[in-house]
């Protein structure tokens, strides 16, 4: 049976494939039970077979590899490896095999796996629910304001 990940990586330089091989090995040892699959041109690791349960991903580029964490903003990063300024996601750009073998990266992956499947904090859930509840009322208000029947 052909390996879809190997097929996917076949168009990338050998050095990139070697780095990804090291990261995949590390990910499997750090995230026992994780499901690995291709999704959006990346190798993803999830709590189940669904993209909704993704914890982290490995994305090949021509000159580096991105190791991304969907909830990286929650991770304790004392060595300041994580990049990004969004509310949730963070990533690391890995350019060499030495960087790929950095034990600090494995610790971040373990931490992401341990805490990544935790539910969104209650305050965020409440805010989202409130926004959804008020949305139809706001739409009706806008229709009235613009003179449309509603």
C-alpha atoms as a PDB file:
ATOM      1  CA  UNK A   1       0.000   0.000   0.000  1.00  0.00           C
ATOM      2  CA  UNK A   2       1.527   3.367  -0.996  1.00  0.00           C
ATOM      3  CA  UNK A   3       2.299   5.808   1.796  1.00  0.00           C
ATOM      4  CA  UNK A   4       0.361   9.035   1.015  1.00  0.00           C
ATOM      5  CA  UNK A   5       2.757  11.090   3.151  1.00  0.00           C
ATOM      6  CA  UNK A   6       5.806   9.827   1.229  1.00  0.00           C
ATOM      7  CA  UNK A   7       4.031  10.574  -2.056  1.00  0.00           C
ATOM      8  CA  UNK A   8       3.145  14.052  -0.791  1.00  0.00           C
ATOM      9  CA  UNK A   9       6.774  14.729   0.187  1.00  0.00           C
ATOM     10  CA  UNK A  10       8.283  13.417  -3.047  1.00  0.00           C
ATOM     11  CA  UNK A  11       8.401  16.903  -4.633  1.00  0.00           C
ATOM     12  CA  UNK A  12      10.419  18.434  -1.788  1.00  0.00           C
ATOM     13  CA  UNK A  13      14.227  18.530  -1.472  1.00  0.00           C
ATOM     14  CA  UNK A  14      15.938  15.602   0.252  1.00  0.00           C
ATOM     15  CA  UNK A  15      17.041  17.779   3.194  1.00  0.00           C
ATOM     16  CA  UNK A  16      13.420  18.818   3.824  1.00  0.00           C
ATOM     17  CA  UNK A  17      12.247  15.188   3.646  1.00  0.00           C
ATOM     18  CA  UNK A  18      14.974  14.186   6.142  1.00  0.00           C
ATOM     19  CA  UNK A  19      13.943  16.936   8.581  1.00  0.00           C
ATOM     20  CA  UNK A  20      10.299  15.891   8.249  1.00  0.00           C
ATOM     21  CA  UNK A  21      11.252  12.261   8.871  1.00  0.00           C
ATOM     22  CA  UNK A  22      12.909  13.308  12.130  1.00  0.00           C
ATOM     23  CA  UNK A  23       9.909  15.456  13.139  1.00  0.00           C
ATOM     24  CA  UNK A  24       7.438  12.630  12.354  1.00  0.00           C
ATOM     25  CA  UNK A  25       9.483  10.211  14.470  1.00  0.00           C
ATOM     26  CA  UNK A  26       9.565  12.732  17.319  1.00  0.00           C
ATOM     27  CA  UNK A  27       5.822  13.453  16.988  1.00  0.00           C
ATOM     28  CA  UNK A  28       4.927   9.750  17.192  1.00  0.00           C
ATOM     29  CA  UNK A  29       7.019   9.301  20.328  1.00  0.00           C
ATOM     30  CA  UNK A  30       5.730  12.508  21.982  1.00  0.00           C
ATOM     31  CA  UNK A  31       2.042  12.045  21.124  1.00  0.00           C
ATOM     32  CA  UNK A  32       1.100   8.449  21.849  1.00  0.00           C
ATOM     33  CA  UNK A  33      -2.184   7.613  20.136  1.00  0.00           C
ATOM     34  CA  UNK A  34      -2.216  10.622  17.824  1.00  0.00           C
ATOM     35  CA  UNK A  35      -3.775  10.170  14.400  1.00  0.00           C
ATOM     36  CA  UNK A  36      -1.536  11.278  11.544  1.00  0.00           C
ATOM     37  CA  UNK A  37      -3.105  12.393   8.252  1.00  0.00           C
ATOM     38  CA  UNK A  38      -2.666  14.800   5.374  1.00  0.00           C
ATOM     39  CA  UNK A  39      -4.859  17.895   5.424  1.00  0.00           C
ATOM     40  CA  UNK A  40      -4.284  21.258   3.691  1.00  0.00           C
ATOM     41  CA  UNK A  41      -0.826  20.329   2.363  1.00  0.00           C
ATOM     42  CA  UNK A  42       0.415  19.442   5.841  1.00  0.00           C
ATOM     43  CA  UNK A  43       0.979  16.358   7.959  1.00  0.00           C
ATOM     44  CA  UNK A  44      -1.448  16.758  10.853  1.00  0.00           C
ATOM     45  CA  UNK A  45      -1.694  15.166  14.282  1.00  0.00           C
ATOM     46  CA  UNK A  46      -5.084  14.896  15.888  1.00  0.00           C
ATOM     47  CA  UNK A  47      -6.839  13.288  18.852  1.00  0.00           C
ATOM     48  CA  UNK A  48      -9.012  11.429  16.310  1.00  0.00           C
ATOM     49  CA  UNK A  49      -9.433  11.111  12.548  1.00  0.00           C
ATOM     50  CA  UNK A  50     -11.154  14.495  12.307  1.00  0.00           C
ATOM     51  CA  UNK A  51      -9.375  17.712  11.307  1.00  0.00           C
ATOM     52  CA  UNK A  52     -11.358  19.360  14.119  1.00  0.00           C
ATOM     53  CA  UNK A  53      -9.254  17.517  16.712  1.00  0.00           C
ATOM     54  CA  UNK A  54      -5.907  18.675  15.315  1.00  0.00           C
ATOM     55  CA  UNK A  55      -3.187  19.539  17.812  1.00  0.00           C
ATOM     56  CA  UNK A  56      -0.209  20.251  15.580  1.00  0.00           C
ATOM     57  CA  UNK A  57       1.016  19.963  12.013  1.00  0.00           C
ATOM     58  CA  UNK A  58       4.175  19.734   9.920  1.00  0.00           C
ATOM     59  CA  UNK A  59       4.229  21.764   6.700  1.00  0.00           C
ATOM     60  CA  UNK A  60       7.066  21.372   4.214  1.00  0.00           C
ATOM     61  CA  UNK A  61       8.381  24.365   2.303  1.00  0.00           C
ATOM     62  CA  UNK A  62      11.254  24.420  -0.186  1.00  0.00           C
ATOM     63  CA  UNK A  63      13.855  25.747   2.299  1.00  0.00           C
ATOM     64  CA  UNK A  64      12.380  25.012   5.754  1.00  0.00           C
ATOM     65  CA  UNK A  65       9.697  23.080   7.613  1.00  0.00           C
ATOM     66  CA  UNK A  66       6.988  24.650   9.734  1.00  0.00           C
ATOM     67  CA  UNK A  67       5.946  22.860  12.914  1.00  0.00           C
ATOM     68  CA  UNK A  68       2.661  24.471  13.909  1.00  0.00           C
ATOM     69  CA  UNK A  69       0.556  24.271  17.041  1.00  0.00           C
ATOM     70  CA  UNK A  70      -3.132  25.074  16.696  1.00  0.00           C
ATOM     71  CA  UNK A  71      -3.307  26.189  20.347  1.00  0.00           C
ATOM     72  CA  UNK A  72       0.316  27.271  20.664  1.00  0.00           C
ATOM     73  CA  UNK A  73      -0.553  30.492  22.486  1.00  0.00           C
ATOM     74  CA  UNK A  74      -1.425  28.318  25.498  1.00  0.00           C
ATOM     75  CA  UNK A  75       1.988  26.635  25.582  1.00  0.00           C
ATOM     76  CA  UNK A  76       4.688  27.480  28.091  1.00  0.00           C
ATOM     77  CA  UNK A  77       7.643  28.501  25.885  1.00  0.00           C
ATOM     78  CA  UNK A  78      10.543  29.550  28.159  1.00  0.00           C
ATOM     79  CA  UNK A  79      13.046  29.284  25.269  1.00  0.00           C
ATOM     80  CA  UNK A  80      10.943  31.572  23.028  1.00  0.00           C
ATOM     81  CA  UNK A  81      10.895  29.227  20.042  1.00  0.00           C
ATOM     82  CA  UNK A  82       7.265  29.830  19.089  1.00  0.00           C
ATOM     83  CA  UNK A  83       6.449  32.495  16.522  1.00  0.00           C
ATOM     84  CA  UNK A  84       3.129  34.134  15.709  1.00  0.00           C
ATOM     85  CA  UNK A  85       0.872  36.787  17.135  1.00  0.00           C
ATOM     86  CA  UNK A  86      -2.607  35.336  16.648  1.00  0.00           C
ATOM     87  CA  UNK A  87      -4.997  34.513  19.479  1.00  0.00           C
ATOM     88  CA  UNK A  88      -4.322  30.753  19.298  1.00  0.00           C
ATOM     89  CA  UNK A  89      -1.836  29.370  16.789  1.00  0.00           C
ATOM     90  CA  UNK A  90       1.957  29.450  16.988  1.00  0.00           C
ATOM     91  CA  UNK A  91       4.671  27.862  14.863  1.00  0.00           C
ATOM     92  CA  UNK A  92       8.389  27.138  14.624  1.00  0.00           C
ATOM     93  CA  UNK A  93      10.382  27.317  11.389  1.00  0.00           C
ATOM     94  CA  UNK A  94      12.929  24.511  11.257  1.00  0.00           C
ATOM     95  CA  UNK A  95      15.761  24.833   8.746  1.00  0.00           C
ATOM     96  CA  UNK A  96      18.309  22.207   9.855  1.00  0.00           C
ATOM     97  CA  UNK A  97      18.455  18.704  11.246  1.00  0.00           C
ATOM     98  CA  UNK A  98      20.047  20.060  14.451  1.00  0.00           C
ATOM     99  CA  UNK A  99      17.010  22.299  14.961  1.00  0.00           C
ATOM    100  CA  UNK A 100      14.691  19.336  14.309  1.00  0.00           C
ATOM    101  CA  UNK A 101      16.476  17.324  17.020  1.00  0.00           C
ATOM    102  CA  UNK A 102      16.181  20.095  19.617  1.00  0.00           C
ATOM    103  CA  UNK A 103      14.737  18.427  22.760  1.00  0.00           C
ATOM    104  CA  UNK A 104      12.869  21.655  23.588  1.00  0.00           C
ATOM    105  CA  UNK A 105      10.719  21.136  20.489  1.00  0.00           C
ATOM    106  CA  UNK A 106       9.759  17.656  21.680  1.00  0.00           C
ATOM    107  CA  UNK A 107       8.766  19.130  25.054  1.00  0.00           C
ATOM    108  CA  UNK A 108       6.500  21.654  23.292  1.00  0.00           C
ATOM    109  CA  UNK A 109       4.893  18.833  21.290  1.00  0.00           C
ATOM    110  CA  UNK A 110       4.339  16.780  24.473  1.00  0.00           C
ATOM    111  CA  UNK A 111       2.832  19.820  26.179  1.00  0.00           C
ATOM    112  CA  UNK A 112       0.564  20.488  23.188  1.00  0.00           C
ATOM    113  CA  UNK A 113      -0.585  16.853  23.187  1.00  0.00           C
ATOM    114  CA  UNK A 114      -1.251  16.885  26.942  1.00  0.00           C
ATOM    115  CA  UNK A 115      -3.198  20.150  26.928  1.00  0.00           C
ATOM    116  CA  UNK A 116      -4.264  20.509  23.316  1.00  0.00           C
ATOM    117  CA  UNK A 117      -7.436  18.486  23.599  1.00  0.00           C
ATOM    118  CA  UNK A 118      -8.731  20.436  26.593  1.00  0.00           C
ATOM    119  CA  UNK A 119     -11.957  22.321  25.976  1.00  0.00           C
ATOM    120  CA  UNK A 120     -11.915  26.013  25.189  1.00  0.00           C
ATOM    121  CA  UNK A 121     -12.102  28.005  28.443  1.00  0.00           C
ATOM    122  CA  UNK A 122     -15.634  28.712  29.627  1.00  0.00           C
ATOM    123  CA  UNK A 123     -15.416  32.470  29.124  1.00  0.00           C
ATOM    124  CA  UNK A 124     -14.634  31.990  25.410  1.00  0.00           C
ATOM    125  CA  UNK A 125     -17.523  29.549  25.065  1.00  0.00           C
ATOM    126  CA  UNK A 126     -19.904  31.992  26.718  1.00  0.00           C
ATOM    127  CA  UNK A 127     -18.777  34.842  24.444  1.00  0.00           C
ATOM    128  CA  UNK A 128     -19.269  32.742  21.339  1.00  0.00           C
ATOM    129  CA  UNK A 129     -22.707  31.579  22.428  1.00  0.00           C
ATOM    130  CA  UNK A 130     -23.797  35.133  23.196  1.00  0.00           C
ATOM    131  CA  UNK A 131     -22.621  36.321  19.764  1.00  0.00           C
ATOM    132  CA  UNK A 132     -24.632  33.579  18.087  1.00  0.00           C
ATOM    133  CA  UNK A 133     -27.758  34.374  20.139  1.00  0.00           C
ATOM    134  CA  UNK A 134     -27.609  38.101  19.350  1.00  0.00           C
ATOM    135  CA  UNK A 135     -26.812  37.724  15.677  1.00  0.00           C
ATOM    136  CA  UNK A 136     -30.439  37.197  14.448  1.00  0.00           C
ATOM    137  CA  UNK A 137     -31.654  40.102  16.590  1.00  0.00           C
ATOM    138  CA  UNK A 138     -28.917  42.321  15.202  1.00  0.00           C
ATOM    139  CA  UNK A 139     -29.820  41.300  11.650  1.00  0.00           C
ATOM    140  CA  UNK A 140     -33.472  42.217  12.273  1.00  0.00           C
ATOM    141  CA  UNK A 141     -32.361  45.564  13.741  1.00  0.00           C
ATOM    142  CA  UNK A 142     -30.237  46.278  10.660  1.00  0.00           C
ATOM    143  CA  UNK A 143     -33.123  45.394   8.320  1.00  0.00           C
ATOM    144  CA  UNK A 144     -35.442  47.763  10.195  1.00  0.00           C
ATOM    145  CA  UNK A 145     -32.788  50.465  10.207  1.00  0.00           C
ATOM    146  CA  UNK A 146     -32.230  50.106   6.460  1.00  0.00           C
ATOM    147  CA  UNK A 147     -35.977  50.159   5.814  1.00  0.00           C
ATOM    148  CA  UNK A 148     -36.417  46.526   4.801  1.00  0.00           C
ATOM    149  CA  UNK A 149     -39.342  44.470   5.979  1.00  0.00           C
ATOM    150  CA  UNK A 150     -38.249  41.929   8.503  1.00  0.00           C
END
